[in-house]
Amino acid sequence: MPQTISGMIVALSPAPNSFPFSPKNLFVSEEGVILGSAGQPGTQGEPSRTAELKNGWFGPLPPPKKPNPLDEEVYPLSLSAIHAKLWSKGTQVYIRCMGAAFKTFVNGTQITGDIELRSGDVVSLGTKIPRNKNTPASITEEHLKPIVAVVGISS
């Protein structure tokens, strides 16, 4: 008999003041889904990460209408390559920070262990980095924003 994998659908939609990203619909099972920065080289022979609507990788800003070949891709600076992990157990969905330098927050509170998520929760992968006199001029305001997402959960 074929084995079925059970899980939940977790929708992540951009919240105000977030680094811009396309809404995601993730199938989250007990194995989990990693949330992190796309474009990073894979480890142990894995391919480079590409941001898609159905995976946990967040990519750069969409290119401008008339891209300049000298423009660099803009990624959120506070997002780690492997930032957080989502997984489900039964009908519950959990999140864990994976030791990210700029931390993970749920509803404005830094998480330090496994936290159950509910629809309507706001997850922040990182924090807004304040600009200071040492911030290079090439760093835009978009670079300094974290990924901030409103969570929706369904079965």
Protein backbone atom coordinates (compact mmCIF):
# COMPACT_ATOMS: atom_id res chain seq x y z
CA MET A 1 0.00 0.00 0.00
CA PRO A 2 1.45 3.43 -0.94
CA GLN A 3 2.48 5.60 1.95
CA THR A 4 0.81 9.02 2.14
CA ILE A 5 2.54 12.04 3.55
CA SER A 6 0.34 14.20 5.72
CA GLY A 7 0.91 17.86 6.29
CA MET A 8 -0.52 21.34 6.31
CA ILE A 9 -0.54 24.24 3.86
CA VAL A 10 1.12 27.36 5.23
CA ALA A 11 0.54 30.59 3.32
CA LEU A 12 3.06 33.39 3.87
CA SER A 13 1.97 36.84 2.65
CA PRO A 14 4.07 40.02 2.87
CA ALA A 15 3.20 42.26 5.82
CA PRO A 16 3.73 46.04 5.90
CA ASN A 17 7.39 47.07 6.17
CA SER A 18 8.58 43.71 4.79
CA PHE A 19 11.26 43.16 2.20
CA PRO A 20 9.07 42.61 -0.90
CA PHE A 21 8.34 38.98 -1.80
CA SER A 22 5.65 37.05 -3.68
CA PRO A 23 3.16 35.23 -1.44
CA LYS A 24 4.09 31.62 -0.78
CA ASN A 25 1.98 28.48 -0.28
CA LEU A 26 4.12 25.83 1.41
CA PHE A 27 3.25 22.19 1.98
CA VAL A 28 4.63 21.58 5.46
CA SER A 29 5.01 18.01 6.76
CA GLU A 30 6.83 16.51 9.74
CA GLU A 31 10.04 16.67 7.69
CA GLY A 32 9.70 20.44 7.59
CA VAL A 33 10.54 23.31 5.28
CA ILE A 34 13.57 25.57 5.68
CA LEU A 35 13.06 29.32 5.34
CA GLY A 36 16.09 31.23 4.14
CA SER A 37 17.86 33.22 1.47
CA ALA A 38 17.82 31.98 -2.13
CA GLY A 39 20.80 32.39 -4.36
CA GLN A 40 23.13 30.86 -1.80
CA PRO A 41 25.18 27.96 -3.13
CA GLY A 42 23.88 24.59 -2.01
CA THR A 43 25.86 22.49 0.42
CA GLN A 44 27.19 18.99 -0.10
CA GLY A 45 26.52 19.02 -3.84
CA GLU A 46 22.99 20.47 -3.59
CA PRO A 47 22.04 22.87 -6.39
CA SER A 48 21.84 26.62 -5.79
CA ARG A 49 18.61 27.72 -4.16
CA THR A 50 15.95 29.30 -6.34
CA ALA A 51 13.01 31.16 -4.78
CA GLU A 52 9.68 29.70 -5.85
CA LEU A 53 6.11 30.17 -4.65
CA LYS A 54 6.07 26.66 -3.18
CA ASN A 55 9.41 26.63 -1.35
CA GLY A 56 10.87 28.46 1.63
CA TRP A 57 13.63 30.33 -0.22
CA PHE A 58 13.28 34.10 -0.54
CA GLY A 59 14.88 35.67 -3.58
CA PRO A 60 16.05 39.10 -4.61
CA LEU A 61 13.81 41.99 -5.56
CA PRO A 62 12.23 41.60 -8.99
CA PRO A 63 14.39 43.28 -11.65
CA PRO A 64 13.41 46.81 -12.66
CA LYS A 65 11.48 47.25 -15.91
CA LYS A 66 14.70 48.40 -17.60
CA PRO A 67 17.44 46.47 -15.80
CA ASN A 68 20.91 47.93 -15.76
CA PRO A 69 23.54 45.20 -16.28
CA LEU A 70 25.63 46.86 -13.55
CA ASP A 71 22.84 46.60 -10.94
CA GLU A 72 23.38 43.96 -8.25
CA GLU A 73 20.54 41.79 -6.98
CA VAL A 74 19.03 43.11 -3.74
CA TYR A 75 18.56 40.55 -0.94
CA PRO A 76 17.44 41.31 2.62
CA LEU A 77 20.63 41.62 4.69
CA SER A 78 19.08 40.27 7.92
CA LEU A 79 17.93 37.00 6.29
CA SER A 80 20.26 34.04 6.89
CA ALA A 81 20.88 31.28 4.35
CA ILE A 82 19.13 28.86 6.73
CA HIS A 83 17.06 31.13 8.94
CA ALA A 84 14.13 29.14 10.37
CA LYS A 85 12.31 25.85 10.00
CA LEU A 86 8.56 25.16 9.73
CA TRP A 87 7.11 21.71 10.35
CA SER A 88 3.76 20.15 11.21
CA LYS A 89 2.61 17.53 13.63
CA GLY A 90 -1.00 16.52 13.09
CA THR A 91 -2.90 19.75 12.46
CA GLN A 92 -0.39 21.97 14.27
CA VAL A 93 2.40 23.95 12.61
CA TYR A 94 5.59 24.94 14.43
CA ILE A 95 8.51 27.27 13.77
CA ARG A 96 12.06 27.22 15.13
CA CYS A 97 14.88 29.73 14.62
CA MET A 98 17.94 27.94 13.23
CA GLY A 99 20.46 30.19 15.00
CA ALA A 100 20.05 33.12 12.61
CA ALA A 101 22.20 36.14 13.45
CA PHE A 102 19.25 38.54 13.23
CA LYS A 103 16.86 36.14 15.03
CA THR A 104 13.26 35.06 14.32
CA PHE A 105 10.19 36.72 15.81
CA VAL A 106 6.52 35.73 16.11
CA ASN A 107 4.09 38.59 16.77
CA GLY A 108 7.02 40.83 17.71
CA THR A 109 8.53 38.45 20.29
CA GLN A 110 11.90 36.78 19.66
CA ILE A 111 11.54 33.00 19.70
CA THR A 112 14.08 30.83 21.47
CA GLY A 113 12.44 27.42 21.11
CA ASP A 114 9.73 25.67 19.14
CA ILE A 115 6.62 27.86 18.81
CA GLU A 116 3.22 26.80 17.50
CA LEU A 117 1.92 29.05 14.72
CA ARG A 118 -1.69 30.04 14.14
CA SER A 119 -3.39 31.75 11.22
CA GLY A 120 -2.96 35.50 11.56
CA ASP A 121 0.40 35.29 13.33
CA VAL A 122 3.14 37.58 11.98
CA VAL A 123 6.57 36.01 11.50
CA SER A 124 9.65 38.18 11.07
CA LEU A 125 12.82 36.62 9.70
CA GLY A 126 15.34 39.12 11.01
CA THR A 127 14.95 42.71 12.10
CA LYS A 128 15.18 46.04 10.32
CA ILE A 129 18.81 47.04 10.29
CA PRO A 130 19.27 50.70 11.18
CA ARG A 131 21.26 52.82 8.77
CA ASN A 132 24.26 54.54 10.31
CA LYS A 133 27.31 56.54 9.19
CA ASN A 134 29.14 53.29 8.34
CA THR A 135 26.38 51.96 6.04
CA PRO A 136 27.67 52.03 2.46
CA ALA A 137 25.72 54.28 0.10
CA SER A 138 25.09 51.26 -2.16
CA ILE A 139 22.89 49.67 0.55
CA THR A 140 19.26 50.62 -0.12
CA GLU A 141 16.39 50.80 2.35
CA GLU A 142 15.09 47.54 0.84
CA HIS A 143 18.35 45.76 1.80
CA LEU A 144 17.74 46.76 5.42
CA LYS A 145 14.20 45.32 5.71
CA PRO A 146 13.50 41.82 7.12
CA ILE A 147 11.09 39.29 5.66
CA VAL A 148 7.83 39.91 7.55
CA ALA A 149 4.96 37.54 6.72
CA VAL A 150 1.37 37.06 7.81
CA VAL A 151 0.69 33.34 8.32
CA GLY A 152 -2.33 31.44 7.04
CA ILE A 153 -2.74 27.74 7.87
CA SER A 154 -5.06 25.19 6.26
CA SER A 155 -5.20 21.43 5.84
